Amino acid sequence: MAQAALKHDYEGPVHGTMPMTSGHAGEHHIDDGRQIDLVHLARQTLGDVELEREVLSLFVVQSQVYLLRLQAAENAADWKRAAHTLKGSARGIGAWQLAEAAEAAEALGGEIHDAAHRNAVDMMLLKVCATNACVRQIFDEQAD
């Protein structure tokens, strides 16, 4: 099977070639401004382009489901569960900006219907939309 479908922007060693950011558990991530770290995604899927596509497709559905659950949360436990799931899903595909927003939402205390929680939902909506737009862009690139 040809690997032409998903063209990763990076080949070989990446240290020193792109800005790096610290991530979860001491990991370092490439920060090229893209919503999804394609190097991380390729590592997670062992370079299997079909698996990348399947994982990204599942992410799009799951991100929408858990964003709705976050919006509909009736208590702190539901809120934290939805934010935590979004955080894990985002980290799985290398969507670091979304993962950071979800982590911040998960850490919120207090009344879940206050301004901080509404702002967190708004931020998560923006990040989910941007990440899912990036997925569509990746799929479009695969089609070329």
N, C-alpha and C. Protein backbone atom coordinates (compact mmCIF):
# COMPACT_ATOMS: atom_id res chain seq x y z
N MET A 1 0.85 -1.18 0.00
CA MET A 1 0.00 0.00 0.00
C MET A 1 0.89 1.24 0.00
N ALA A 2 0.58 2.17 -0.83
CA ALA A 2 1.39 3.39 -0.95
C ALA A 2 1.14 4.29 0.25
N GLN A 3 2.19 4.95 0.69
CA GLN A 3 2.09 5.86 1.82
C GLN A 3 1.81 7.29 1.35
N ALA A 4 1.36 7.47 0.14
CA ALA A 4 1.16 8.81 -0.41
C ALA A 4 -0.05 9.51 0.20
N ALA A 5 -0.94 8.74 0.84
CA ALA A 5 -2.18 9.32 1.31
C ALA A 5 -1.98 10.44 2.32
N LEU A 6 -1.27 10.16 3.39
CA LEU A 6 -1.07 11.19 4.41
C LEU A 6 0.38 11.62 4.34
N LYS A 7 0.60 12.81 3.86
CA LYS A 7 1.96 13.32 3.72
C LYS A 7 2.32 14.05 5.00
N HIS A 8 3.21 13.47 5.78
CA HIS A 8 3.63 14.12 7.01
C HIS A 8 4.63 15.20 6.68
N ASP A 9 4.52 16.29 7.41
CA ASP A 9 5.38 17.43 7.17
C ASP A 9 6.81 17.20 7.61
N TYR A 10 7.06 16.17 8.40
CA TYR A 10 8.38 15.98 8.99
C TYR A 10 8.88 14.57 8.72
N GLU A 11 10.12 14.47 8.35
CA GLU A 11 10.77 13.18 8.15
C GLU A 11 12.06 13.18 8.96
N GLY A 12 12.40 12.06 9.55
CA GLY A 12 13.66 11.96 10.27
C GLY A 12 13.68 12.77 11.55
N PRO A 13 14.90 13.08 12.03
CA PRO A 13 15.02 13.81 13.30
C PRO A 13 14.37 15.18 13.21
N VAL A 14 13.71 15.55 14.28
CA VAL A 14 13.03 16.83 14.28
C VAL A 14 13.60 17.81 15.29
N HIS A 15 14.45 17.37 16.20
CA HIS A 15 14.99 18.28 17.20
C HIS A 15 15.77 19.38 16.53
N GLY A 16 15.44 20.61 16.87
CA GLY A 16 16.14 21.76 16.31
C GLY A 16 15.57 22.26 15.00
N THR A 17 14.60 21.54 14.43
CA THR A 17 14.06 21.98 13.14
C THR A 17 12.77 22.77 13.29
N MET A 18 12.02 22.53 14.35
CA MET A 18 10.77 23.23 14.60
C MET A 18 10.73 23.58 16.08
N PRO A 19 10.00 24.62 16.45
CA PRO A 19 9.86 24.94 17.86
C PRO A 19 9.25 23.76 18.61
N MET A 20 9.74 23.51 19.81
CA MET A 20 9.24 22.41 20.62
C MET A 20 8.55 22.98 21.85
N THR A 21 7.52 22.30 22.31
CA THR A 21 6.86 22.69 23.55
C THR A 21 6.85 21.49 24.47
N SER A 22 6.83 21.74 25.76
CA SER A 22 6.73 20.64 26.72
C SER A 22 5.29 20.21 26.79
N GLY A 23 5.09 18.93 26.89
CA GLY A 23 3.74 18.41 26.96
C GLY A 23 3.52 17.61 28.21
N HIS A 24 2.57 16.74 28.18
CA HIS A 24 2.19 15.89 29.29
C HIS A 24 3.31 14.90 29.59
N ALA A 25 3.59 14.68 30.84
CA ALA A 25 4.55 13.68 31.30
C ALA A 25 5.92 13.86 30.69
N GLY A 26 6.35 15.10 30.51
CA GLY A 26 7.70 15.36 30.04
C GLY A 26 7.90 15.16 28.55
N GLU A 27 6.84 14.87 27.81
CA GLU A 27 6.98 14.71 26.37
C GLU A 27 7.25 16.07 25.74
N HIS A 28 7.86 16.07 24.57
CA HIS A 28 8.06 17.29 23.82
C HIS A 28 7.29 17.17 22.52
N HIS A 29 6.66 18.26 22.12
CA HIS A 29 5.81 18.24 20.94
C HIS A 29 6.24 19.33 19.97
N ILE A 30 6.08 19.05 18.70
CA ILE A 30 6.39 20.04 17.68
C ILE A 30 5.27 21.07 17.64
N ASP A 31 5.66 22.33 17.62
CA ASP A 31 4.68 23.41 17.56
C ASP A 31 4.86 24.13 16.23
N ASP A 32 4.11 23.69 15.22
CA ASP A 32 4.20 24.33 13.90
C ASP A 32 2.95 25.15 13.61
N GLY A 33 2.12 25.36 14.63
CA GLY A 33 0.91 26.13 14.45
C GLY A 33 -0.28 25.31 14.01
N ARG A 34 -0.07 24.07 13.62
CA ARG A 34 -1.16 23.20 13.18
C ARG A 34 -1.89 22.66 14.40
N GLN A 35 -3.15 22.41 14.28
CA GLN A 35 -3.96 21.93 15.40
C GLN A 35 -3.61 20.50 15.82
N ILE A 36 -3.05 19.72 14.91
CA ILE A 36 -2.72 18.32 15.19
C ILE A 36 -1.24 18.09 14.90
N ASP A 37 -0.55 17.51 15.86
CA ASP A 37 0.86 17.16 15.73
C ASP A 37 0.94 15.86 14.93
N LEU A 38 1.26 15.97 13.65
CA LEU A 38 1.25 14.80 12.77
C LEU A 38 2.34 13.80 13.12
N VAL A 39 3.44 14.26 13.68
CA VAL A 39 4.50 13.34 14.10
C VAL A 39 3.98 12.48 15.24
N HIS A 40 3.33 13.10 16.21
CA HIS A 40 2.76 12.35 17.34
C HIS A 40 1.70 11.36 16.83
N LEU A 41 0.84 11.83 15.95
CA LEU A 41 -0.21 10.97 15.40
C LEU A 41 0.39 9.76 14.69
N ALA A 42 1.43 9.99 13.91
CA ALA A 42 2.08 8.88 13.20
C ALA A 42 2.70 7.90 14.19
N ARG A 43 3.28 8.42 15.26
CA ARG A 43 3.85 7.54 16.29
C ARG A 43 2.76 6.71 16.95
N GLN A 44 1.65 7.35 17.26
CA GLN A 44 0.55 6.65 17.93
C GLN A 44 -0.04 5.54 17.06
N THR A 45 0.00 5.72 15.76
CA THR A 45 -0.60 4.75 14.83
C THR A 45 0.46 3.93 14.10
N LEU A 46 1.69 4.02 14.56
CA LEU A 46 2.81 3.26 13.97
C LEU A 46 2.94 3.51 12.47
N GLY A 47 2.59 4.73 12.05
CA GLY A 47 2.74 5.11 10.65
C GLY A 47 1.70 4.51 9.72
N ASP A 48 0.71 3.84 10.25
CA ASP A 48 -0.34 3.22 9.44
C ASP A 48 -1.36 4.30 9.05
N VAL A 49 -1.35 4.68 7.78
CA VAL A 49 -2.19 5.78 7.30
C VAL A 49 -3.68 5.46 7.45
N GLU A 50 -4.06 4.23 7.19
CA GLU A 50 -5.47 3.85 7.34
C GLU A 50 -5.90 3.95 8.80
N LEU A 51 -5.03 3.53 9.70
CA LEU A 51 -5.34 3.63 11.12
C LEU A 51 -5.42 5.10 11.55
N GLU A 52 -4.54 5.94 11.02
CA GLU A 52 -4.62 7.38 11.31
C GLU A 52 -5.98 7.93 10.91
N ARG A 53 -6.42 7.55 9.73
CA ARG A 53 -7.71 8.04 9.22
C ARG A 53 -8.85 7.56 10.12
N GLU A 54 -8.80 6.30 10.54
CA GLU A 54 -9.84 5.76 11.41
C GLU A 54 -9.83 6.47 12.77
N VAL A 55 -8.66 6.66 13.34
CA VAL A 55 -8.54 7.33 14.63
C VAL A 55 -9.06 8.76 14.54
N LEU A 56 -8.69 9.47 13.48
CA LEU A 56 -9.16 10.85 13.31
C LEU A 56 -10.67 10.90 13.13
N SER A 57 -11.22 9.96 12.37
CA SER A 57 -12.68 9.91 12.18
C SER A 57 -13.40 9.68 13.51
N LEU A 58 -12.86 8.76 14.30
CA LEU A 58 -13.44 8.50 15.62
C LEU A 58 -13.33 9.73 16.52
N PHE A 59 -12.19 10.42 16.42
CA PHE A 59 -12.00 11.63 17.22
C PHE A 59 -13.06 12.68 16.90
N VAL A 60 -13.34 12.89 15.62
CA VAL A 60 -14.32 13.91 15.23
C VAL A 60 -15.67 13.62 15.88
N VAL A 61 -16.11 12.37 15.82
CA VAL A 61 -17.39 12.00 16.42
C VAL A 61 -17.33 12.16 17.94
N GLN A 62 -16.29 11.60 18.55
CA GLN A 62 -16.19 11.64 20.01
C GLN A 62 -16.07 13.07 20.54
N SER A 63 -15.33 13.91 19.84
CA SER A 63 -15.16 15.29 20.31
C SER A 63 -16.50 16.02 20.32
N GLN A 64 -17.34 15.75 19.34
CA GLN A 64 -18.65 16.40 19.30
C GLN A 64 -19.56 15.87 20.40
N VAL A 65 -19.51 14.56 20.63
CA VAL A 65 -20.33 13.95 21.69
C VAL A 65 -19.95 14.52 23.05
N TYR A 66 -18.65 14.56 23.34
CA TYR A 66 -18.23 15.00 24.67
C TYR A 66 -18.31 16.51 24.84
N LEU A 67 -18.26 17.26 23.78
CA LEU A 67 -18.52 18.69 23.88
C LEU A 67 -19.98 18.91 24.27
N LEU A 68 -20.88 18.15 23.66
CA LEU A 68 -22.30 18.23 24.03
C LEU A 68 -22.52 17.81 25.48
N ARG A 69 -21.80 16.77 25.92
CA ARG A 69 -21.93 16.33 27.31
C ARG A 69 -21.39 17.40 28.27
N LEU A 70 -20.34 18.08 27.86
CA LEU A 70 -19.80 19.16 28.68
C LEU A 70 -20.84 20.27 28.81
N GLN A 71 -21.46 20.62 27.69
CA GLN A 71 -22.47 21.68 27.70
C GLN A 71 -23.70 21.29 28.54
N ALA A 72 -24.03 20.01 28.54
CA ALA A 72 -25.23 19.54 29.23
C ALA A 72 -24.96 19.07 30.66
N ALA A 73 -23.73 19.17 31.13
CA ALA A 73 -23.38 18.67 32.46
C ALA A 73 -24.28 19.30 33.52
N GLU A 74 -24.80 18.45 34.38
CA GLU A 74 -25.68 18.90 35.46
C GLU A 74 -24.94 19.01 36.79
N ASN A 75 -23.75 18.43 36.87
CA ASN A 75 -23.00 18.47 38.12
C ASN A 75 -21.50 18.41 37.82
N ALA A 76 -20.71 18.61 38.86
CA ALA A 76 -19.25 18.68 38.69
C ALA A 76 -18.68 17.36 38.18
N ALA A 77 -19.23 16.24 38.60
CA ALA A 77 -18.71 14.94 38.16
C ALA A 77 -18.91 14.76 36.65
N ASP A 78 -20.09 15.11 36.15
CA ASP A 78 -20.35 15.01 34.71
C ASP A 78 -19.43 15.95 33.93
N TRP A 79 -19.25 17.16 34.46
CA TRP A 79 -18.37 18.15 33.83
C TRP A 79 -16.94 17.60 33.73
N LYS A 80 -16.42 17.14 34.84
CA LYS A 80 -15.03 16.65 34.87
C LYS A 80 -14.85 15.43 33.97
N ARG A 81 -15.84 14.54 33.96
CA ARG A 81 -15.76 13.34 33.12
C ARG A 81 -15.70 13.72 31.64
N ALA A 82 -16.55 14.65 31.22
CA ALA A 82 -16.56 15.07 29.81
C ALA A 82 -15.26 15.79 29.45
N ALA A 83 -14.80 16.69 30.31
CA ALA A 83 -13.56 17.41 30.04
C ALA A 83 -12.37 16.45 30.02
N HIS A 84 -12.35 15.50 30.94
CA HIS A 84 -11.26 14.53 31.01
C HIS A 84 -11.21 13.66 29.75
N THR A 85 -12.37 13.24 29.28
CA THR A 85 -12.43 12.42 28.07
C THR A 85 -11.95 13.20 26.86
N LEU A 86 -12.37 14.45 26.75
CA LEU A 86 -11.89 15.30 25.65
C LEU A 86 -10.38 15.50 25.72
N LYS A 87 -9.87 15.69 26.92
CA LYS A 87 -8.43 15.87 27.11
C LYS A 87 -7.67 14.63 26.62
N GLY A 88 -8.12 13.46 27.03
CA GLY A 88 -7.46 12.23 26.62
C GLY A 88 -7.54 11.98 25.12
N SER A 89 -8.69 12.24 24.54
CA SER A 89 -8.85 12.06 23.09
C SER A 89 -7.95 13.02 22.33
N ALA A 90 -7.89 14.26 22.79
CA ALA A 90 -7.05 15.26 22.12
C ALA A 90 -5.57 14.88 22.22
N ARG A 91 -5.15 14.44 23.39
CA ARG A 91 -3.75 14.02 23.54
C ARG A 91 -3.43 12.82 22.65
N GLY A 92 -4.39 11.95 22.48
CA GLY A 92 -4.17 10.76 21.66
C GLY A 92 -3.82 11.07 20.22
N ILE A 93 -4.38 12.16 19.69
CA ILE A 93 -4.09 12.51 18.29
C ILE A 93 -3.08 13.64 18.17
N GLY A 94 -2.63 14.17 19.31
CA GLY A 94 -1.67 15.27 19.25
C GLY A 94 -2.31 16.63 19.07
N ALA A 95 -3.54 16.78 19.52
CA ALA A 95 -4.23 18.08 19.47
C ALA A 95 -3.95 18.80 20.78
N TRP A 96 -2.74 19.33 20.89
CA TRP A 96 -2.25 19.86 22.17
C TRP A 96 -3.02 21.08 22.64
N GLN A 97 -3.42 21.96 21.74
CA GLN A 97 -4.17 23.16 22.15
C GLN A 97 -5.53 22.78 22.74
N LEU A 98 -6.20 21.84 22.12
CA LEU A 98 -7.47 21.35 22.64
C LEU A 98 -7.25 20.64 23.97
N ALA A 99 -6.21 19.83 24.06
CA ALA A 99 -5.92 19.11 25.31
C ALA A 99 -5.69 20.09 26.46
N GLU A 100 -4.97 21.17 26.19
CA GLU A 100 -4.72 22.17 27.23
C GLU A 100 -6.02 22.85 27.66
N ALA A 101 -6.87 23.16 26.71
CA ALA A 101 -8.16 23.79 27.04
C ALA A 101 -9.03 22.82 27.85
N ALA A 102 -9.01 21.55 27.49
CA ALA A 102 -9.79 20.55 28.22
C ALA A 102 -9.23 20.35 29.63
N GLU A 103 -7.92 20.38 29.75
CA GLU A 103 -7.30 20.24 31.07
C GLU A 103 -7.70 21.42 31.97
N ALA A 104 -7.70 22.62 31.41
CA ALA A 104 -8.12 23.80 32.18
C ALA A 104 -9.59 23.68 32.58
N ALA A 105 -10.43 23.19 31.67
CA ALA A 105 -11.85 23.01 31.98
C ALA A 105 -12.03 21.97 33.07
N GLU A 106 -11.27 20.90 32.99
CA GLU A 106 -11.37 19.83 33.98
C GLU A 106 -11.00 20.33 35.38
N ALA A 107 -10.07 21.27 35.45
CA ALA A 107 -9.58 21.77 36.74
C ALA A 107 -10.50 22.80 37.39
N LEU A 108 -11.49 23.29 36.64
CA LEU A 108 -12.39 24.30 37.20
C LEU A 108 -13.17 23.74 38.38
N GLY A 109 -13.29 24.54 39.40
CA GLY A 109 -14.11 24.17 40.55
C GLY A 109 -15.34 25.05 40.59
N GLY A 110 -16.06 24.95 41.65
CA GLY A 110 -17.20 25.83 41.84
C GLY A 110 -18.44 25.39 41.09
N GLU A 111 -19.36 26.30 40.97
CA GLU A 111 -20.65 26.08 40.31
C GLU A 111 -20.44 25.89 38.81
N ILE A 112 -20.97 24.81 38.25
CA ILE A 112 -20.70 24.53 36.84
C ILE A 112 -21.47 25.42 35.88
N HIS A 113 -22.39 26.21 36.38
CA HIS A 113 -23.15 27.11 35.51
C HIS A 113 -22.68 28.56 35.62
N ASP A 114 -21.47 28.77 36.14
CA ASP A 114 -20.97 30.13 36.29
C ASP A 114 -20.26 30.60 35.02
N ALA A 115 -19.80 31.84 35.04
CA ALA A 115 -19.16 32.44 33.86
C ALA A 115 -17.90 31.70 33.45
N ALA A 116 -17.11 31.23 34.42
CA ALA A 116 -15.87 30.52 34.09
C ALA A 116 -16.16 29.25 33.30
N HIS A 117 -17.20 28.54 33.69
CA HIS A 117 -17.57 27.32 32.98
C HIS A 117 -18.13 27.63 31.60
N ARG A 118 -18.93 28.68 31.50
CA ARG A 118 -19.45 29.08 30.18
C ARG A 118 -18.31 29.48 29.25
N ASN A 119 -17.34 30.21 29.79
CA ASN A 119 -16.17 30.59 28.99
C ASN A 119 -15.37 29.37 28.57
N ALA A 120 -15.26 28.39 29.47
CA ALA A 120 -14.54 27.16 29.14
C ALA A 120 -15.24 26.41 28.00
N VAL A 121 -16.56 26.36 28.04
CA VAL A 121 -17.32 25.71 26.96
C VAL A 121 -17.08 26.44 25.65
N ASP A 122 -17.10 27.77 25.69
CA ASP A 122 -16.85 28.55 24.47
C ASP A 122 -15.46 28.26 23.92
N MET A 123 -14.46 28.20 24.80
CA MET A 123 -13.09 27.91 24.36
C MET A 123 -12.99 26.51 23.79
N MET A 124 -13.63 25.55 24.45
CA MET A 124 -13.61 24.17 23.97
C MET A 124 -14.29 24.07 22.61
N LEU A 125 -15.38 24.79 22.43
CA LEU A 125 -16.07 24.79 21.14
C LEU A 125 -15.15 25.29 20.04
N LEU A 126 -14.45 26.39 20.30
CA LEU A 126 -13.50 26.92 19.31
C LEU A 126 -12.40 25.91 19.00
N LYS A 127 -11.85 25.29 20.03
CA LYS A 127 -10.74 24.35 19.84
C LYS A 127 -11.20 23.07 19.14
N VAL A 128 -12.39 22.58 19.49
CA VAL A 128 -12.92 21.39 18.82
C VAL A 128 -13.16 21.69 17.35
N CYS A 129 -13.77 22.84 17.06
CA CYS A 129 -14.02 23.21 15.66
C CYS A 129 -12.71 23.35 14.88
N ALA A 130 -11.71 23.98 15.48
CA ALA A 130 -10.43 24.16 14.80
C ALA A 130 -9.74 22.82 14.58
N THR A 131 -9.80 21.94 15.56
CA THR A 131 -9.17 20.62 15.42
C THR A 131 -9.88 19.80 14.37
N ASN A 132 -11.21 19.81 14.38
CA ASN A 132 -11.96 19.04 13.38
C ASN A 132 -11.79 19.62 11.98
N ALA A 133 -11.59 20.92 11.87
CA ALA A 133 -11.27 21.52 10.56
C ALA A 133 -9.91 21.03 10.09
N CYS A 134 -8.98 20.87 11.01
CA CYS A 134 -7.66 20.34 10.66
C CYS A 134 -7.78 18.89 10.18
N VAL A 135 -8.65 18.11 10.82
CA VAL A 135 -8.89 16.74 10.37
C VAL A 135 -9.41 16.75 8.93
N ARG A 136 -10.37 17.63 8.64
CA ARG A 136 -10.89 17.72 7.27
C ARG A 136 -9.79 18.11 6.29
N GLN A 137 -8.91 19.00 6.71
CA GLN A 137 -7.79 19.40 5.85
C GLN A 137 -6.86 18.21 5.59
N ILE A 138 -6.59 17.43 6.61
CA ILE A 138 -5.75 16.24 6.44
C ILE A 138 -6.42 15.28 5.46
N PHE A 139 -7.72 15.06 5.61
CA PHE A 139 -8.43 14.17 4.70
C PHE A 139 -8.40 14.72 3.27
N ASP A 140 -8.54 16.03 3.12
CA ASP A 140 -8.46 16.64 1.78
C ASP A 140 -7.08 16.43 1.18
N GLU A 141 -6.03 16.55 2.00
CA GLU A 141 -4.67 16.33 1.52
C GLU A 141 -4.47 14.88 1.10
N GLN A 142 -5.12 13.97 1.80
CA GLN A 142 -5.03 12.56 1.44
C GLN A 142 -5.65 12.31 0.07
N ALA A 143 -6.70 13.04 -0.23
CA ALA A 143 -7.42 12.84 -1.50
C ALA A 143 -6.62 13.35 -2.70
N ASP A 144 -5.69 14.26 -2.46
CA ASP A 144 -4.89 14.83 -3.57
C ASP A 144 -3.89 13.85 -4.13
